[in-house]
Amino acid sequence: MPVGVGIAAVGLFALWRLLPAKEWLESFSGWVAGLGVLGGVLYAIVYVAAALLFVPGIVLTIGAGVLFGLGWGMVIVSLASTTAAALAFLVARHLARKRVERLVKRDARFEAIDGAIAKRGWTIVALLRLSPLVPFSLSNYLYGLTSVAFLPYVLASWAGMLPGTLLYVYLGSAGRTLGAGGARTPWEWALLGGGLAATAGVTVLLTRIARQQLAKGKKGSAR
């Protein structure tokens, strides 16, 4: 997770320097802001479509923090990511099961995940959302092939994705605050840095706990 945050930060900085990203972002921000609530809805729709098409969501997650701030950014990303997870699950289970089966058979992790979910159900889904072993978009389809029930899956996915969502939306929100211009006091810098460090620390801690629990589950199933 810390490596992912670092890569995301470096990537955003590089884009900001090499491309007219600031102008694009300001233009898009103004357009979205002018749409009011509809802007957030459209952003969520784009997010869902991107996730269903296997587009990495980290840039959109951080972008939500930049455009909407921490509070509304969290709401939009949480609803959009959960909706995408639910739709992909239903597609895999009811509409395109054979195609998804051919896709996941190439991934050796599926059998282990399927077996773990068969024994521990939605708890494995929640742990895997905290410490993802499979990319988000692919895992959404993968879970549709397992024995987990739909509603527990959706709730576990929503809860398990919250820490990561908070981290990346906060990263975008902090970048938006820093880019707003104007001199900042040492206290303001300390609050921004401390908030990001605390959010990242909690996310890393939860990720380690999830990995430990998953490791225990593997040992238990091997006996």
Protein backbone atom coordinates (compact mmCIF):
# COMPACT_ATOMS: atom_id res chain seq x y z
CA MET A 1 0.00 0.00 0.00
CA PRO A 2 2.74 2.61 0.83
CA VAL A 3 4.46 1.73 -2.47
CA GLY A 4 1.17 2.25 -4.31
CA VAL A 5 0.69 5.64 -2.68
CA GLY A 6 4.23 6.63 -3.61
CA ILE A 7 3.82 5.55 -7.22
CA ALA A 8 0.51 7.40 -7.44
CA ALA A 9 2.03 10.57 -6.02
CA VAL A 10 5.06 10.44 -8.35
CA GLY A 11 2.84 9.71 -11.34
CA LEU A 12 0.53 12.61 -10.59
CA PHE A 13 3.48 14.94 -10.10
CA ALA A 14 5.00 13.84 -13.43
CA LEU A 15 1.72 14.38 -15.26
CA TRP A 16 1.33 17.76 -13.62
CA ARG A 17 4.80 18.81 -14.84
CA LEU A 18 4.84 17.26 -18.31
CA LEU A 19 1.24 17.78 -19.42
CA PRO A 20 -1.13 20.75 -19.15
CA ALA A 21 -2.79 18.80 -16.32
CA LYS A 22 -3.45 21.90 -14.25
CA GLU A 23 -5.41 23.54 -17.05
CA TRP A 24 -7.33 20.32 -17.75
CA LEU A 25 -8.15 19.84 -14.10
CA GLU A 26 -9.25 23.44 -13.64
CA SER A 27 -11.45 23.19 -16.73
CA PHE A 28 -12.95 19.88 -15.66
CA SER A 29 -13.40 21.13 -12.10
CA GLY A 30 -15.25 24.19 -13.31
CA TRP A 31 -17.47 22.07 -15.57
CA VAL A 32 -18.28 19.58 -12.80
CA ALA A 33 -18.86 22.34 -10.26
CA GLY A 34 -21.24 24.03 -12.65
CA LEU A 35 -23.31 20.86 -12.86
CA GLY A 36 -23.82 20.69 -9.09
CA VAL A 37 -25.12 17.32 -7.90
CA LEU A 38 -25.28 16.09 -11.50
CA GLY A 39 -21.50 16.50 -11.74
CA GLY A 40 -20.98 14.04 -8.92
CA VAL A 41 -23.46 11.62 -10.49
CA LEU A 42 -21.69 11.78 -13.86
CA TYR A 43 -18.32 11.25 -12.20
CA ALA A 44 -19.69 8.18 -10.42
CA ILE A 45 -21.06 6.79 -13.72
CA VAL A 46 -17.67 7.24 -15.38
CA TYR A 47 -16.03 5.52 -12.40
CA VAL A 48 -18.38 2.52 -12.63
CA ALA A 49 -17.87 2.19 -16.39
CA ALA A 50 -14.09 2.37 -16.00
CA ALA A 51 -14.08 -0.34 -13.33
CA LEU A 52 -16.24 -2.65 -15.44
CA LEU A 53 -13.83 -2.16 -18.35
CA PHE A 54 -10.75 -3.03 -16.23
CA VAL A 55 -9.44 0.54 -16.12
CA PRO A 56 -7.38 1.07 -12.90
CA GLY A 57 -9.42 3.21 -10.55
CA ILE A 58 -6.67 4.81 -8.48
CA VAL A 59 -6.46 7.94 -10.66
CA LEU A 60 -10.24 8.42 -10.54
CA THR A 61 -10.24 7.83 -6.79
CA ILE A 62 -7.57 10.45 -6.20
CA GLY A 63 -9.28 12.71 -8.71
CA ALA A 64 -12.51 12.58 -6.71
CA GLY A 65 -10.62 14.01 -3.75
CA VAL A 66 -9.19 16.76 -5.93
CA LEU A 67 -12.54 17.69 -7.47
CA PHE A 68 -14.99 17.14 -4.61
CA GLY A 69 -12.92 17.23 -1.43
CA LEU A 70 -12.69 14.55 1.23
CA GLY A 71 -16.35 14.29 2.27
CA TRP A 72 -18.15 14.21 -1.07
CA GLY A 73 -15.20 12.47 -2.70
CA MET A 74 -15.54 9.61 -0.22
CA VAL A 75 -19.29 9.37 -0.82
CA ILE A 76 -18.95 9.36 -4.62
CA VAL A 77 -16.09 6.84 -4.79
CA SER A 78 -17.57 4.55 -2.15
CA LEU A 79 -20.94 4.40 -3.92
CA ALA A 80 -19.35 4.06 -7.37
CA SER A 81 -16.84 1.36 -6.43
CA THR A 82 -19.49 -0.65 -4.56
CA THR A 83 -21.88 -0.33 -7.51
CA ALA A 84 -19.17 -1.50 -9.91
CA ALA A 85 -18.37 -4.45 -7.64
CA ALA A 86 -22.05 -5.42 -7.48
CA LEU A 87 -22.65 -5.15 -11.24
CA ALA A 88 -19.54 -7.14 -12.16
CA PHE A 89 -20.54 -9.82 -9.64
CA LEU A 90 -24.01 -10.13 -11.22
CA VAL A 91 -22.57 -10.23 -14.74
CA ALA A 92 -20.20 -13.05 -13.80
CA ARG A 93 -22.86 -15.02 -11.96
CA HIS A 94 -25.80 -14.66 -14.33
CA LEU A 95 -24.89 -13.17 -17.72
CA ALA A 96 -21.38 -14.16 -18.77
CA ARG A 97 -20.36 -16.95 -16.44
CA LYS A 98 -18.60 -19.11 -19.04
CA ARG A 99 -16.56 -16.21 -20.38
CA VAL A 100 -15.48 -15.16 -16.90
CA GLU A 101 -14.62 -18.75 -16.02
CA ARG A 102 -12.28 -18.93 -19.03
CA LEU A 103 -10.71 -15.66 -17.92
CA VAL A 104 -10.06 -16.57 -14.28
CA LYS A 105 -8.83 -20.09 -15.03
CA ARG A 106 -5.63 -18.43 -16.19
CA ASP A 107 -5.14 -17.01 -12.67
CA ALA A 108 -3.76 -19.55 -10.21
CA ARG A 109 -5.05 -17.50 -7.27
CA PHE A 110 -8.70 -18.18 -8.09
CA GLU A 111 -8.76 -21.75 -6.81
CA ALA A 112 -7.28 -20.74 -3.46
CA ILE A 113 -9.67 -17.80 -3.08
CA ASP A 114 -12.65 -19.90 -4.11
CA GLY A 115 -11.78 -22.55 -1.53
CA ALA A 116 -11.27 -19.99 1.22
CA ILE A 117 -14.60 -18.29 0.49
CA ALA A 118 -16.36 -21.66 0.51
CA LYS A 119 -15.18 -22.14 4.11
CA ARG A 120 -15.35 -18.62 5.54
CA GLY A 121 -17.72 -16.78 3.21
CA TRP A 122 -17.93 -12.99 3.21
CA THR A 123 -15.14 -12.58 5.79
CA ILE A 124 -12.61 -13.62 3.14
CA VAL A 125 -14.07 -11.05 0.75
CA ALA A 126 -13.66 -8.32 3.36
CA LEU A 127 -10.08 -9.34 4.11
CA LEU A 128 -9.19 -9.49 0.43
CA ARG A 129 -10.65 -6.01 -0.10
CA LEU A 130 -8.37 -4.75 2.68
CA SER A 131 -5.35 -6.55 1.25
CA PRO A 132 -6.11 -7.15 -2.43
CA LEU A 133 -4.35 -10.11 -4.01
CA VAL A 134 -6.19 -9.62 -7.30
CA PRO A 135 -6.77 -6.32 -9.16
CA PHE A 136 -10.06 -4.67 -8.18
CA SER A 137 -11.80 -4.93 -11.57
CA LEU A 138 -10.87 -8.58 -12.10
CA SER A 139 -11.75 -9.59 -8.54
CA ASN A 140 -15.26 -8.17 -8.91
CA TYR A 141 -15.97 -10.68 -11.68
CA LEU A 142 -14.08 -13.44 -9.90
CA TYR A 143 -16.27 -13.25 -6.78
CA GLY A 144 -19.34 -13.85 -8.93
CA LEU A 145 -18.07 -17.39 -9.56
CA THR A 146 -17.68 -18.21 -5.89
CA SER A 147 -20.29 -19.42 -3.41
CA VAL A 148 -20.62 -16.13 -1.52
CA ALA A 149 -24.14 -14.67 -1.43
CA PHE A 150 -24.78 -11.35 -3.16
CA LEU A 151 -25.82 -9.14 -0.23
CA PRO A 152 -23.03 -10.25 2.16
CA TYR A 153 -20.57 -9.81 -0.72
CA VAL A 154 -21.72 -6.24 -1.39
CA LEU A 155 -21.61 -5.24 2.28
CA ALA A 156 -18.21 -6.88 2.83
CA SER A 157 -16.83 -5.20 -0.29
CA TRP A 158 -18.12 -1.79 0.75
CA ALA A 159 -16.65 -2.07 4.26
CA GLY A 160 -13.37 -3.59 3.10
CA MET A 161 -12.77 -0.89 0.48
CA LEU A 162 -13.36 2.04 2.84
CA PRO A 163 -9.81 2.35 4.26
CA GLY A 164 -8.17 2.37 0.83
CA THR A 165 -10.80 4.75 -0.50
CA LEU A 166 -10.20 7.11 2.41
CA LEU A 167 -6.45 7.06 1.84
CA TYR A 168 -6.53 7.88 -1.86
CA VAL A 169 -9.36 10.40 -1.66
CA TYR A 170 -7.53 12.14 1.16
CA LEU A 171 -4.39 12.19 -0.98
CA GLY A 172 -6.32 13.97 -3.71
CA SER A 173 -8.00 16.30 -1.26
CA ALA A 174 -4.67 17.23 0.30
CA GLY A 175 -3.24 17.93 -3.16
CA ARG A 176 -6.21 20.14 -3.92
CA THR A 177 -5.67 22.06 -0.69
CA LEU A 178 -1.96 22.51 -1.37
CA GLY A 179 -2.64 23.64 -4.92
CA ALA A 180 -5.14 26.28 -3.84
CA GLY A 181 -2.33 28.82 -3.54
CA GLY A 182 -1.44 31.25 -0.83
CA ALA A 183 1.08 31.07 1.98
CA ARG A 184 0.52 28.41 4.62
CA THR A 185 1.49 28.46 8.26
CA PRO A 186 3.61 25.67 9.76
CA TRP A 187 0.48 24.58 11.67
CA GLU A 188 -1.47 24.12 8.43
CA TRP A 189 1.38 22.13 6.90
CA ALA A 190 1.55 19.99 10.04
CA LEU A 191 -2.20 19.29 9.89
CA LEU A 192 -2.03 18.28 6.23
CA GLY A 193 1.03 16.08 6.68
CA GLY A 194 -0.23 14.58 9.94
CA GLY A 195 -3.63 13.79 8.45
CA LEU A 196 -2.13 12.01 5.47
CA ALA A 197 0.37 10.13 7.65
CA ALA A 198 -2.38 9.02 10.05
CA THR A 199 -4.65 7.89 7.22
CA ALA A 200 -1.84 5.98 5.53
CA GLY A 201 -0.77 4.45 8.86
CA VAL A 202 -4.25 3.14 9.63
CA THR A 203 -4.58 1.72 6.12
CA VAL A 204 -1.22 -0.04 6.34
CA LEU A 205 -2.10 -1.45 9.77
CA LEU A 206 -5.42 -2.81 8.51
CA THR A 207 -3.67 -4.30 5.48
CA ARG A 208 -1.18 -6.14 7.71
CA ILE A 209 -3.96 -7.45 9.93
CA ALA A 210 -5.84 -8.67 6.85
CA ARG A 211 -2.76 -10.44 5.52
CA GLN A 212 -2.17 -12.12 8.87
CA GLN A 213 -5.75 -13.35 8.96
CA LEU A 214 -5.53 -14.61 5.39
CA ALA A 215 -2.30 -16.45 6.22
CA LYS A 216 -3.97 -18.09 9.22
CA GLY A 217 -6.86 -19.12 7.02
CA LYS A 218 -4.51 -20.77 4.53
CA LYS A 219 -2.75 -22.69 7.29
CA GLY A 220 -6.06 -23.82 8.72
CA SER A 221 -7.33 -25.04 5.35
CA ALA A 222 -4.11 -26.93 4.70
CA ARG A 223 -4.58 -29.12 7.76
